[in-house]
Structure formats: structure tokens, C-alpha cells
Amino acid sequence: MKFVGAHVSASGGVFNAPLNAEKIGAKAFALFTKNQRQWDAKPLEKEDIDHFKRALEKAQILPKYVLPHDSYLINLGHHDAVQRHKSLTAFIDEIRRCDQLGLDKLNFHPGSHLKIISEEDCLELIAQGMNEALSQTKNITLVVENTAGQGSNLGYKMEHLAYLMENSIDKERVGICIDTCHLFSAGYDIRDEESYRQTMKKFDTIVGFKYLKGMHLNDSKPDLGKRVDRHDSIGMGKLGVEPFGFIMNDDRMNDIPLILETIDESLWEQEIALLYSLIK
């Protein structure tokens, strides 16, 4: 069974996210548990946590279909030790916030080398940061998102994702989120049935579907391999509707959160209905 939703607003309090998801007919959703463009946030209060859990129950969405996203400021691969420690501290705080809310995952971008250190050295630092976070927390699975490879962002090669999985101290608490726009922009084609089959076979061989914990379903403004991160509404970009039909009929994507991050939130309810209509 498929569980589709969108990255909804938590403005006014985290408890508003499940309510916003319910309004658009979502069976899953993503949210930021704090302001994604600030380092610090006040601790979650018990009243807000309880309110969130009640709202989640009202929306009839199980915690495993919620895919929180961490702050865009965090860079576990930063070359500077002080900045890297700042990122790790913020990352651990976000993991603990997810645990307080009764959730079981945290989605994040791996990190960036900032054109100062090598990809290999940066990946090693990211793996170290993930392992330190795992050792200091419990319950939450760290879900690495593939990237488009814009600028100096790592995670655009499947080999990057595989390295982070292989070098984890707890392989039961790590996983991958595939973003379709990022995948395509990074050079992996999924526009026709054969290309989709080959790309997913490559993912299974290099990384492994056992690590797939969620997906971001986005069309792409950039063409194949442009390494630019610009999302589009479903069917309005270079991917078109067909690849999403392959995903919605692929049993390997059952029972995980499938999250829209498309650019026009007024279309989310319509896009969710469209995606479900693609199931044969």
C-alpha cells in the first residue's frame, strides 16, 4: 500500500503539521520540527508534544509515515572542526526532538565539502558525524537524502549513499530517501520503463532497497544530469507523469512515506489524488 503526502507547514506549532496534512488528504507528511533557517530553537514543551500526538491520531497517520527534515544549515561534512561540531550539536538536538514527538525518522542532506576538502574526506567526516549522533541518541533512524549535486553537495552519486550505509555503526538505524528531482538532475534517468528499471536496479545493487525509508516525489525543472536542484509540480517538468506511475506501481515503495515537495502547495491535494490514480 502507498502512503502519499507533502511537506506541510508547522507554522504556529508542530501540532499544526498533522492538521495541514489532513486537509489535503495526505496519508503521510514531512515537517520541520523547528525553524529550518535558524540554529537554535526553544525546547519542545510537553503541551505541544501532547497536542502533536493527538493531532496525528486525529489525522489517522501513523508515526512511521512522518518524515521530518532537519535544518538546511547543518553540514556534517564541514572542513572546519568548530563549524562541524556546531552542525553535529544541532543535528543531535533535531534527532531528540523527533524522539520526543514519538516519530522514528529524521531526513537530512549528507553535507558539502565547500570545494576545500576532497569528496572522500568529506564523506568520512559525514560518516563520523552520523556515528556520533547514533551513539548519543536512540530510536530514530537517520535517513540520508540523495542530492542533485549542486555546488559542493555530496549524495548525488549512489556510491556516496552506499559509503554512508556501509560505514554506519548501526545499520538498523540508517536509511535512504530518494528524491526524484535530485535523482534525475544528478544523471539517473527514470522517464521510461527501461530507464526506470535500470536506475532502480543500480540503486539496489549499489545501495540496497533494504535501506529505502522514504521518497520525495518531485518533477524536475532541470534536464537530465544538469546537477541543479529545482523542483517542479508533477507532470510540469522534465520528468512528466509517467515515472510517478512506475513508482506508484512498484511494490518496493510500499509502506514508506512518499512526500511531495513540489513548488505549488495549492496543487498538493490534486497531486496526491493524481498519484493514487496512477495505481493500476
Protein backbone atom coordinates (compact mmCIF):
# COMPACT_ATOMS: atom_id res chain seq x y z
CA MET A 1 0.00 0.00 0.00
CA LYS A 2 1.21 3.52 -0.81
CA PHE A 3 1.28 6.42 1.67
CA VAL A 4 1.45 9.78 -0.11
CA GLY A 5 1.58 13.26 1.38
CA ALA A 6 3.52 16.52 1.28
CA HIS A 7 5.98 18.61 3.26
CA VAL A 8 3.45 20.68 5.16
CA SER A 9 3.80 23.78 7.28
CA ALA A 10 4.28 23.56 11.04
CA SER A 11 3.90 27.31 11.42
CA GLY A 12 2.34 28.19 14.76
CA GLY A 13 3.43 24.90 16.33
CA VAL A 14 4.41 21.38 15.32
CA PHE A 15 0.86 20.21 16.08
CA ASN A 16 -0.37 22.12 13.03
CA ALA A 17 1.52 19.84 10.63
CA PRO A 18 -0.78 16.79 11.01
CA LEU A 19 -3.80 19.10 10.69
CA ASN A 20 -2.42 20.60 7.48
CA ALA A 21 -1.72 17.11 6.14
CA GLU A 22 -5.26 16.00 6.91
CA LYS A 23 -6.70 18.97 4.97
CA ILE A 24 -5.08 17.81 1.71
CA GLY A 25 -5.99 14.13 2.05
CA ALA A 26 -2.45 13.07 2.92
CA LYS A 27 -1.63 9.64 4.35
CA ALA A 28 1.94 10.77 5.13
CA PHE A 29 3.74 14.06 5.60
CA ALA A 30 7.03 15.82 6.24
CA LEU A 31 7.70 18.78 8.50
CA PHE A 32 10.42 20.83 10.13
CA THR A 33 10.31 20.39 13.92
CA LYS A 34 11.97 23.83 14.31
CA ASN A 35 12.75 26.84 12.10
CA GLN A 36 14.91 25.33 9.37
CA ARG A 37 16.91 28.54 8.83
CA GLN A 38 17.94 29.12 12.45
CA TRP A 39 20.47 27.26 14.55
CA ASP A 40 18.64 27.49 17.85
CA ALA A 41 15.08 26.78 18.87
CA LYS A 42 13.31 26.70 22.20
CA PRO A 43 12.77 23.18 23.54
CA LEU A 44 9.52 21.44 22.75
CA GLU A 45 7.04 21.82 25.59
CA LYS A 46 5.02 18.87 26.88
CA GLU A 47 1.78 20.60 25.90
CA ASP A 48 2.97 20.93 22.27
CA ILE A 49 4.18 17.32 22.19
CA ASP A 50 0.86 16.02 23.50
CA HIS A 51 -1.04 18.28 21.08
CA PHE A 52 1.06 16.93 18.18
CA LYS A 53 0.36 13.32 19.10
CA ARG A 54 -3.39 13.99 19.40
CA ALA A 55 -3.40 15.76 16.02
CA LEU A 56 -1.51 12.84 14.47
CA GLU A 57 -4.10 10.42 15.82
CA LYS A 58 -6.95 12.61 14.57
CA ALA A 59 -5.39 12.69 11.09
CA GLN A 60 -5.10 8.86 11.26
CA ILE A 61 -1.45 8.99 10.22
CA LEU A 62 0.96 6.61 11.92
CA PRO A 63 4.33 8.00 13.11
CA LYS A 64 6.21 5.76 10.64
CA TYR A 65 4.65 7.71 7.75
CA VAL A 66 6.06 11.02 9.03
CA LEU A 67 9.42 12.08 7.56
CA PRO A 68 10.79 15.10 9.45
CA HIS A 69 13.53 17.13 7.75
CA ASP A 70 16.43 18.77 9.56
CA SER A 71 17.71 22.33 9.22
CA TYR A 72 19.32 23.42 5.95
CA LEU A 73 22.15 24.98 7.97
CA ILE A 74 23.56 21.66 9.15
CA ASN A 75 26.67 20.38 7.36
CA LEU A 76 28.13 17.23 8.93
CA GLY A 77 30.94 17.27 6.35
CA HIS A 78 32.21 20.79 7.14
CA HIS A 79 36.01 21.03 6.94
CA ASP A 80 36.20 23.34 9.97
CA ALA A 81 36.04 21.46 13.28
CA VAL A 82 34.19 24.25 15.09
CA GLN A 83 31.53 24.54 12.40
CA ARG A 84 31.24 20.77 12.16
CA HIS A 85 30.71 20.50 15.93
CA LYS A 86 28.03 23.20 15.71
CA SER A 87 26.28 21.18 12.99
CA LEU A 88 26.55 17.94 14.95
CA THR A 89 25.12 19.56 18.09
CA ALA A 90 22.16 20.92 16.10
CA PHE A 91 21.71 17.54 14.37
CA ILE A 92 21.57 15.65 17.66
CA ASP A 93 19.06 18.17 19.00
CA GLU A 94 16.83 17.55 15.97
CA ILE A 95 17.05 13.79 16.46
CA ARG A 96 15.96 14.19 20.07
CA ARG A 97 13.07 16.45 19.05
CA CYS A 98 11.82 13.71 16.71
CA ASP A 99 12.08 11.18 19.53
CA GLN A 100 10.10 13.48 21.86
CA LEU A 101 7.34 13.67 19.24
CA GLY A 102 7.16 9.87 19.06
CA LEU A 103 8.50 9.75 15.50
CA ASP A 104 11.06 7.28 14.18
CA LYS A 105 12.98 9.02 11.35
CA LEU A 106 14.96 12.16 10.53
CA ASN A 107 15.66 13.05 6.90
CA PHE A 108 18.79 15.09 6.11
CA HIS A 109 21.14 16.12 3.31
CA PRO A 110 24.56 14.50 3.77
CA GLY A 111 26.82 17.57 3.65
CA SER A 112 29.10 19.70 1.49
CA HIS A 113 32.88 19.84 1.00
CA LEU A 114 32.69 23.55 0.07
CA LYS A 115 35.46 22.92 -2.51
CA ILE A 116 38.04 22.89 0.29
CA ILE A 117 38.45 19.18 1.01
CA SER A 118 38.02 16.11 -1.20
CA GLU A 119 34.75 14.24 -1.60
CA GLU A 120 36.35 11.25 0.10
CA ASP A 121 37.45 13.23 3.15
CA CYS A 122 34.05 14.93 3.36
CA LEU A 123 32.21 11.61 3.21
CA GLU A 124 34.40 10.28 6.01
CA LEU A 125 33.52 13.29 8.18
CA ILE A 126 29.79 12.82 7.45
CA ALA A 127 30.01 9.14 8.41
CA GLN A 128 31.81 10.08 11.64
CA GLY A 129 29.11 12.65 12.43
CA MET A 130 26.33 10.17 11.79
CA ASN A 131 28.01 7.59 14.02
CA GLU A 132 28.50 10.11 16.81
CA ALA A 133 24.82 11.06 16.54
CA LEU A 134 23.79 7.40 16.61
CA SER A 135 25.90 6.78 19.72
CA GLN A 136 24.33 9.73 21.57
CA THR A 137 20.68 9.06 20.66
CA LYS A 138 18.16 6.24 20.40
CA ASN A 139 15.07 5.16 18.45
CA ILE A 140 15.47 7.48 15.43
CA THR A 141 16.62 6.24 12.00
CA LEU A 142 18.93 8.67 10.18
CA VAL A 143 17.60 8.93 6.62
CA VAL A 144 20.13 10.33 4.13
CA GLU A 145 18.64 12.10 1.12
CA ASN A 146 20.23 11.86 -2.31
CA THR A 147 21.07 15.27 -3.78
CA ALA A 148 21.21 16.84 -7.23
CA GLY A 149 24.92 17.55 -6.72
CA GLN A 150 24.50 21.30 -6.95
CA GLY A 151 27.56 23.25 -5.81
CA SER A 152 29.65 21.09 -3.49
CA ASN A 153 26.81 18.96 -2.10
CA LEU A 154 27.56 15.26 -1.73
CA GLY A 155 25.00 12.48 -2.09
CA TYR A 156 24.48 12.85 -5.84
CA LYS A 157 26.18 9.51 -6.55
CA MET A 158 24.69 6.27 -5.34
CA GLU A 159 28.21 5.33 -4.24
CA HIS A 160 28.14 8.23 -1.75
CA LEU A 161 24.95 6.86 -0.19
CA ALA A 162 26.35 3.34 -0.10
CA TYR A 163 29.50 4.55 1.68
CA LEU A 164 27.44 6.13 4.46
CA MET A 165 25.35 2.99 4.90
CA GLU A 166 28.38 0.69 4.87
CA ASN A 167 30.30 2.79 7.40
CA SER A 168 27.46 3.11 9.91
CA ILE A 169 27.95 1.66 13.40
CA ASP A 170 24.24 0.77 13.47
CA LYS A 171 22.86 -0.33 10.11
CA GLU A 172 19.39 -0.80 11.66
CA ARG A 173 19.17 2.96 12.26
CA VAL A 174 20.26 4.35 8.90
CA GLY A 175 18.44 4.59 5.58
CA ILE A 176 17.93 6.48 2.34
CA CYS A 177 15.32 8.88 0.97
CA ILE A 178 15.24 9.06 -2.84
CA ASP A 179 14.24 12.44 -4.24
CA THR A 180 13.10 12.00 -7.86
CA CYS A 181 14.09 15.52 -8.96
CA HIS A 182 17.54 15.14 -7.40
CA LEU A 183 17.94 11.66 -8.87
CA PHE A 184 17.17 12.85 -12.39
CA SER A 185 19.19 16.06 -12.13
CA ALA A 186 22.15 14.02 -10.87
CA GLY A 187 22.06 11.96 -14.07
CA TYR A 188 19.88 8.93 -13.30
CA ASP A 189 17.09 8.60 -15.86
CA ILE A 190 13.64 7.27 -14.88
CA ARG A 191 11.49 8.72 -17.69
CA ASP A 192 10.67 5.45 -19.44
CA GLU A 193 10.11 1.94 -18.17
CA GLU A 194 13.52 0.57 -19.17
CA SER A 195 15.42 3.58 -17.76
CA TYR A 196 13.44 3.31 -14.52
CA ARG A 197 14.20 -0.40 -14.28
CA GLN A 198 17.91 0.13 -14.88
CA THR A 199 18.19 3.00 -12.38
CA MET A 200 16.37 1.10 -9.66
CA LYS A 201 18.46 -2.00 -10.36
CA LYS A 202 21.57 0.16 -9.95
CA PHE A 203 20.23 1.52 -6.66
CA ASP A 204 19.53 -2.00 -5.39
CA THR A 205 22.98 -3.23 -6.44
CA ILE A 206 24.99 -0.30 -5.09
CA VAL A 207 22.93 0.71 -2.02
CA GLY A 208 20.16 -1.85 -1.49
CA PHE A 209 16.39 -1.44 -1.24
CA LYS A 210 16.56 -2.62 2.37
CA TYR A 211 17.77 0.92 3.15
CA LEU A 212 14.93 2.76 1.37
CA LYS A 213 12.93 4.54 4.11
CA GLY A 214 11.10 7.22 2.12
CA MET A 215 10.85 9.18 -1.12
CA HIS A 216 10.36 12.77 -2.21
CA LEU A 217 8.17 12.83 -5.32
CA ASN A 218 9.07 15.92 -7.33
CA ASP A 219 9.16 16.78 -11.01
CA SER A 220 12.33 18.50 -12.23
CA LYS A 221 12.84 21.89 -13.86
CA PRO A 222 16.44 20.99 -14.91
CA ASP A 223 17.08 18.36 -17.56
CA LEU A 224 18.90 15.06 -17.02
CA GLY A 225 22.33 15.41 -15.44
CA LYS A 226 22.29 19.21 -15.02
CA ARG A 227 23.05 18.92 -11.27
CA VAL A 228 20.70 21.76 -10.37
CA ASP A 229 18.18 21.43 -7.53
CA ARG A 230 14.92 22.98 -8.79
CA HIS A 231 11.68 21.13 -8.19
CA ASP A 232 8.54 21.35 -10.32
CA SER A 233 4.92 20.26 -9.97
CA ILE A 234 4.09 16.71 -11.06
CA GLY A 235 3.81 16.50 -14.84
CA MET A 236 5.00 20.07 -15.39
CA GLY A 237 8.75 19.43 -15.56
CA LYS A 238 11.25 17.34 -17.49
CA LEU A 239 10.15 14.08 -15.87
CA GLY A 240 6.44 14.21 -16.74
CA VAL A 241 3.82 12.00 -15.15
CA GLU A 242 4.97 8.57 -16.37
CA PRO A 243 7.85 7.96 -13.88
CA PHE A 244 5.47 8.51 -10.98
CA GLY A 245 3.27 5.77 -12.38
CA PHE A 246 6.24 3.41 -12.22
CA ILE A 247 6.80 4.36 -8.57
CA MET A 248 3.15 4.05 -7.58
CA ASN A 249 3.05 0.53 -9.06
CA ASP A 250 6.39 -0.58 -7.59
CA ASP A 251 5.87 -2.76 -4.51
CA ARG A 252 9.32 -1.77 -3.22
CA MET A 253 7.84 1.66 -2.44
CA ASN A 254 5.04 0.22 -0.29
CA ASP A 255 4.67 1.17 3.37
CA ILE A 256 7.07 4.16 3.35
CA PRO A 257 6.31 7.91 3.31
CA LEU A 258 6.09 9.29 -0.26
CA ILE A 259 6.34 13.05 0.13
CA LEU A 260 5.63 15.85 -2.31
CA GLU A 261 7.98 18.84 -2.17
CA THR A 262 6.56 20.34 -5.35
CA ILE A 263 6.54 24.10 -5.80
CA ASP A 264 2.82 24.97 -5.74
CA GLU A 265 1.23 23.89 -2.47
CA SER A 266 -2.22 24.82 -3.82
CA LEU A 267 -1.86 21.77 -6.09
CA TRP A 268 -0.88 19.26 -3.40
CA GLU A 269 -4.36 17.84 -2.85
CA GLN A 270 -4.75 17.46 -6.61
CA GLU A 271 -1.27 15.92 -6.97
CA ILE A 272 -1.94 13.40 -4.20
CA ALA A 273 -5.16 12.34 -5.96
CA LEU A 274 -3.27 12.12 -9.28
CA LEU A 275 -0.59 9.88 -7.80
CA TYR A 276 -3.16 7.48 -6.33
CA SER A 277 -4.99 7.44 -9.68
CA LEU A 278 -1.85 6.04 -11.32
CA ILE A 279 -2.11 2.77 -9.38
CA LYS A 280 -3.22 0.02 -11.75
